[in-house]
Amino acid sequence: MTNRDSIFRDPQQIVDFAFDQRVVDVFPDMIRRSIPGYDTIISISGLMLAEHLKDSEICYDLGCSLGATTLAIAQRLGKKRCKLIAIDNSEAMLTKARKLLTHEAIELMMSDIRQVDLQPAGAVVMNFTLQFIAPKERLALIKKIYAALRPGGLLIISEKIHCSETAEEDYFNAIHAQYKMANGYTGLEVSQKRSALEKVMIIDDIETHQQRMNEAGFSDIKIWFRCLNWASILAVK
């Protein structure tokens, strides 16, 4: 049974959001009630990555949290003998992920994705991860991923996005807040969580993502999913 997210239900002194034990305990409920299209992004990105991988190749899930994307890939591999390396820097996340991810293809690793050495890979996915990396460090990470990918290798990045037009940004933010309240959050919960994320979740617009990927070396870049201010981008080396 999934635990209900009530972390920000009561008035409280707001501190920076962290992927600690209390978040881990309610994470599946939190993310599905907060991100429109989340289940679609996970299932379809898992399908695309599994279809793209060649036999015996490596796929990295960077910032894997509880491993939902890794599991979606594993379930689609069929007879391919690939290695799925899921990396996160939260011990609390990985402790629970180890109980959930028992597929033989999956290897879990605790590490800072900015520091880990990537082996040659057929695909890499970062679902809702890059937005928690300091902006000045993002290009170096994308360049490292590009270098690790084989020619034709696939990168999927899913993120909350900033809209360049103020009116569009305000509209989507307002609808997103209504979406969360329709899923049972109160206005206080929405407001307090927004404040907790303000300094740790720094979002880019689509153009910035595309420019960064181009600078890293990617030329074939597609937006394959978008819902309000959430999007997923596919890039091929």
Protein backbone atom coordinates (compact mmCIF):
# COMPACT_ATOMS: atom_id res chain seq x y z
CA MET A 1 0.00 0.00 0.00
CA THR A 2 1.31 3.46 -0.93
CA ASN A 3 1.74 5.91 1.94
CA ARG A 4 -0.13 9.20 1.54
CA ASP A 5 2.02 12.32 1.22
CA SER A 6 1.20 14.75 4.03
CA ILE A 7 4.68 16.25 4.59
CA PHE A 8 3.55 19.84 4.05
CA ARG A 9 0.01 19.46 5.41
CA ASP A 10 0.60 21.47 8.60
CA PRO A 11 2.07 25.00 8.91
CA GLN A 12 5.83 24.68 9.48
CA GLN A 13 9.16 26.41 9.23
CA ILE A 14 10.26 25.77 5.67
CA VAL A 15 13.69 24.28 5.02
CA ASP A 16 15.22 23.25 1.70
CA PHE A 17 13.64 20.15 0.18
CA ALA A 18 15.72 16.97 0.54
CA PHE A 19 15.24 13.38 -0.56
CA ASP A 20 15.32 12.11 3.01
CA GLN A 21 13.49 9.26 4.70
CA ARG A 22 10.20 11.09 5.11
CA VAL A 23 10.15 11.85 1.35
CA VAL A 24 11.12 8.28 0.49
CA ASP A 25 8.24 6.95 2.59
CA VAL A 26 5.66 8.83 0.49
CA PHE A 27 7.56 9.30 -2.78
CA PRO A 28 5.35 7.24 -5.15
CA ASP A 29 2.25 9.09 -3.96
CA MET A 30 3.99 12.48 -3.97
CA ILE A 31 5.33 12.27 -7.49
CA ARG A 32 2.17 10.87 -9.09
CA ARG A 33 0.01 13.57 -7.49
CA SER A 34 2.47 16.30 -8.44
CA ILE A 35 3.69 15.62 -11.99
CA PRO A 36 1.09 15.52 -14.77
CA GLY A 37 1.85 12.71 -17.18
CA TYR A 38 4.32 11.01 -14.82
CA ASP A 39 3.14 7.45 -15.48
CA THR A 40 3.20 8.06 -19.24
CA ILE A 41 6.73 9.46 -19.11
CA ILE A 42 8.00 6.49 -17.10
CA SER A 43 6.32 3.78 -19.15
CA ILE A 44 7.06 5.24 -22.59
CA SER A 45 10.65 6.23 -21.79
CA GLY A 46 11.16 2.69 -20.48
CA LEU A 47 9.74 1.30 -23.72
CA MET A 48 11.89 3.53 -25.94
CA LEU A 49 15.08 2.78 -24.03
CA ALA A 50 14.50 -0.98 -23.98
CA GLU A 51 13.75 -0.99 -27.71
CA HIS A 52 16.86 1.08 -28.44
CA LEU A 53 19.35 -0.99 -26.44
CA LYS A 54 21.39 -3.65 -28.17
CA ASP A 55 22.13 -6.99 -26.56
CA SER A 56 24.72 -6.74 -23.75
CA GLU A 57 24.72 -2.94 -23.68
CA ILE A 58 24.64 -0.75 -20.57
CA CYS A 59 21.88 1.74 -19.79
CA TYR A 60 22.27 4.29 -17.01
CA ASP A 61 19.41 5.70 -14.95
CA LEU A 62 20.98 8.79 -13.37
CA GLY A 63 19.15 10.03 -10.30
CA CYS A 64 17.07 6.87 -10.21
CA SER A 65 15.23 7.55 -6.91
CA LEU A 66 13.18 4.37 -6.30
CA GLY A 67 13.97 3.04 -9.77
CA ALA A 68 10.63 3.36 -11.55
CA THR A 69 12.27 4.05 -14.91
CA THR A 70 14.85 1.31 -14.42
CA LEU A 71 12.08 -1.17 -13.72
CA ALA A 72 10.11 0.00 -16.77
CA ILE A 73 13.17 -0.69 -18.93
CA ALA A 74 13.84 -4.08 -17.34
CA GLN A 75 10.27 -5.22 -17.94
CA ARG A 76 10.67 -4.49 -21.67
CA LEU A 77 14.09 -6.03 -22.29
CA GLY A 78 12.81 -9.44 -23.27
CA LYS A 79 15.77 -11.71 -24.06
CA LYS A 80 18.32 -8.89 -24.27
CA ARG A 81 21.13 -9.36 -21.72
CA CYS A 82 21.65 -5.73 -20.88
CA LYS A 83 22.93 -4.15 -17.68
CA LEU A 84 20.82 -1.39 -16.13
CA ILE A 85 22.90 0.72 -13.74
CA ALA A 86 20.70 2.88 -11.51
CA ILE A 87 22.53 5.61 -9.58
CA ASP A 88 21.36 7.92 -6.82
CA ASN A 89 23.03 9.87 -4.01
CA SER A 90 20.26 9.27 -1.46
CA GLU A 91 20.92 6.25 0.74
CA ALA A 92 17.30 6.36 1.90
CA MET A 93 16.10 6.06 -1.70
CA LEU A 94 18.47 3.22 -2.53
CA THR A 95 17.65 1.28 0.63
CA LYS A 96 14.03 1.11 -0.46
CA ALA A 97 14.92 0.64 -4.14
CA ARG A 98 16.91 -2.49 -3.26
CA LYS A 99 13.69 -4.03 -1.96
CA LEU A 100 11.73 -3.08 -5.07
CA LEU A 101 14.22 -3.83 -7.85
CA THR A 102 15.06 -7.52 -7.97
CA HIS A 103 15.43 -7.99 -11.74
CA GLU A 104 18.74 -9.66 -12.59
CA ALA A 105 19.67 -6.94 -15.10
CA ILE A 106 19.61 -4.16 -12.49
CA GLU A 107 22.62 -2.90 -10.56
CA LEU A 108 22.13 -0.17 -7.95
CA MET A 109 24.90 2.28 -7.08
CA MET A 110 25.12 5.09 -4.54
CA SER A 111 27.13 7.94 -6.03
CA ASP A 112 27.09 11.56 -7.11
CA ILE A 113 26.26 11.41 -10.82
CA ARG A 114 28.52 14.40 -11.43
CA GLN A 115 31.51 12.39 -10.18
CA VAL A 116 30.85 8.83 -11.33
CA ASP A 117 32.82 7.47 -14.30
CA LEU A 118 30.42 6.24 -16.97
CA GLN A 119 31.23 3.11 -18.94
CA PRO A 120 30.43 2.94 -22.67
CA ALA A 121 26.64 2.87 -22.87
CA GLY A 122 23.83 2.44 -25.36
CA ALA A 123 21.44 4.73 -23.51
CA VAL A 124 21.11 7.10 -20.54
CA VAL A 125 18.01 8.46 -18.84
CA MET A 126 17.60 11.28 -16.34
CA ASN A 127 13.98 11.61 -15.34
CA PHE A 128 13.47 14.68 -13.11
CA THR A 129 17.13 14.80 -12.08
CA LEU A 130 18.92 17.57 -13.95
CA GLN A 131 16.74 20.22 -12.32
CA PHE A 132 18.40 19.38 -8.99
CA ILE A 133 21.94 19.80 -10.37
CA ALA A 134 23.52 23.25 -10.06
CA PRO A 135 23.01 25.04 -13.41
CA LYS A 136 26.73 25.73 -13.84
CA GLU A 137 27.43 21.97 -13.64
CA ARG A 138 24.81 20.79 -16.11
CA LEU A 139 26.74 21.19 -19.34
CA ALA A 140 29.70 19.18 -18.02
CA LEU A 141 27.33 16.37 -17.05
CA ILE A 142 25.66 16.32 -20.47
CA LYS A 143 29.08 16.32 -22.15
CA LYS A 144 30.14 13.36 -19.99
CA ILE A 145 26.99 11.48 -20.99
CA TYR A 146 27.58 12.26 -24.66
CA ALA A 147 31.15 10.94 -24.43
CA ALA A 148 29.96 7.68 -22.85
CA LEU A 149 27.24 6.98 -25.41
CA ARG A 150 27.98 4.93 -28.50
CA PRO A 151 27.22 6.49 -31.91
CA GLY A 152 23.44 6.35 -32.15
CA GLY A 153 23.13 6.18 -28.36
CA LEU A 154 19.99 7.60 -26.78
CA LEU A 155 19.57 10.18 -24.00
CA ILE A 156 16.19 10.94 -22.41
CA ILE A 157 15.80 13.88 -20.03
CA SER A 158 12.49 14.70 -18.33
CA GLU A 159 12.09 17.98 -16.42
CA LYS A 160 9.83 20.69 -15.21
CA ILE A 161 10.36 23.56 -17.64
CA HIS A 162 10.25 27.33 -17.52
CA CYS A 163 8.23 29.15 -20.17
CA SER A 164 9.89 32.11 -21.84
CA GLU A 165 6.59 34.01 -22.12
CA THR A 166 5.42 35.39 -18.75
CA ALA A 167 1.73 34.92 -19.50
CA GLU A 168 2.25 31.28 -20.50
CA GLU A 169 4.41 30.64 -17.43
CA ASP A 170 1.82 32.13 -15.10
CA TYR A 171 -1.02 30.21 -16.74
CA PHE A 172 0.69 26.82 -16.62
CA ASN A 173 1.83 27.38 -13.04
CA ALA A 174 -1.73 28.22 -12.02
CA ILE A 175 -3.14 25.14 -13.77
CA HIS A 176 -0.42 22.98 -12.25
CA ALA A 177 -1.36 24.22 -8.78
CA GLN A 178 -5.00 23.38 -9.53
CA TYR A 179 -3.92 19.94 -10.76
CA LYS A 180 -2.25 19.23 -7.43
CA MET A 181 -5.24 20.45 -5.45
CA ALA A 182 -7.50 18.28 -7.61
CA ASN A 183 -5.30 15.39 -6.48
CA GLY A 184 -5.98 16.15 -2.83
CA TYR A 185 -3.31 18.67 -1.85
CA THR A 186 -4.38 21.84 -0.06
CA GLY A 187 -3.32 25.33 -1.05
CA LEU A 188 -1.07 25.40 2.01
CA GLU A 189 0.66 22.17 0.95
CA VAL A 190 1.23 23.50 -2.56
CA SER A 191 2.61 26.78 -1.26
CA GLN A 192 4.89 25.27 1.37
CA LYS A 193 6.33 22.68 -0.99
CA ARG A 194 6.97 25.37 -3.60
CA SER A 195 8.92 27.35 -1.00
CA ALA A 196 10.92 24.26 0.03
CA LEU A 197 11.90 23.61 -3.60
CA GLU A 198 12.67 27.20 -4.51
CA LYS A 199 16.44 27.05 -3.93
CA VAL A 200 17.10 23.40 -4.80
CA MET A 201 15.04 22.83 -7.95
CA ILE A 202 16.19 25.31 -10.62
CA ILE A 203 14.40 24.81 -13.92
CA ASP A 204 15.40 25.72 -17.48
CA ASP A 205 13.35 26.54 -20.55
CA ILE A 206 13.25 24.16 -23.50
CA GLU A 207 15.62 26.34 -25.52
CA THR A 208 18.29 26.15 -22.81
CA HIS A 209 18.02 22.35 -22.72
CA GLN A 210 18.33 22.16 -26.50
CA GLN A 211 21.27 24.56 -26.65
CA ARG A 212 23.08 22.63 -23.94
CA MET A 213 22.56 19.33 -25.76
CA ASN A 214 23.75 20.89 -29.01
CA GLU A 215 26.87 22.22 -27.31
CA ALA A 216 27.56 18.77 -25.86
CA GLY A 217 27.41 17.31 -29.38
CA PHE A 218 23.83 16.08 -29.83
CA SER A 219 22.20 17.13 -33.10
CA ASP A 220 19.05 14.99 -33.25
CA ILE A 221 16.90 16.41 -30.43
CA LYS A 222 13.13 15.94 -30.10
CA ILE A 223 10.50 16.90 -27.53
CA TRP A 224 8.51 13.69 -27.36
CA PHE A 225 6.22 14.60 -24.45
CA ARG A 226 4.84 17.76 -22.92
CA CYS A 227 2.04 18.45 -20.45
CA LEU A 228 1.71 21.97 -19.03
CA ASN A 229 5.14 22.89 -17.63
CA TRP A 230 6.57 19.37 -17.75
CA ALA A 231 8.40 17.89 -20.72
CA SER A 232 10.59 15.01 -21.84
CA ILE A 233 13.34 15.37 -24.43
CA LEU A 234 14.96 12.67 -26.54
CA ALA A 235 18.45 13.17 -28.01
CA VAL A 236 20.47 10.82 -30.21
CA LYS A 237 24.26 10.87 -30.53
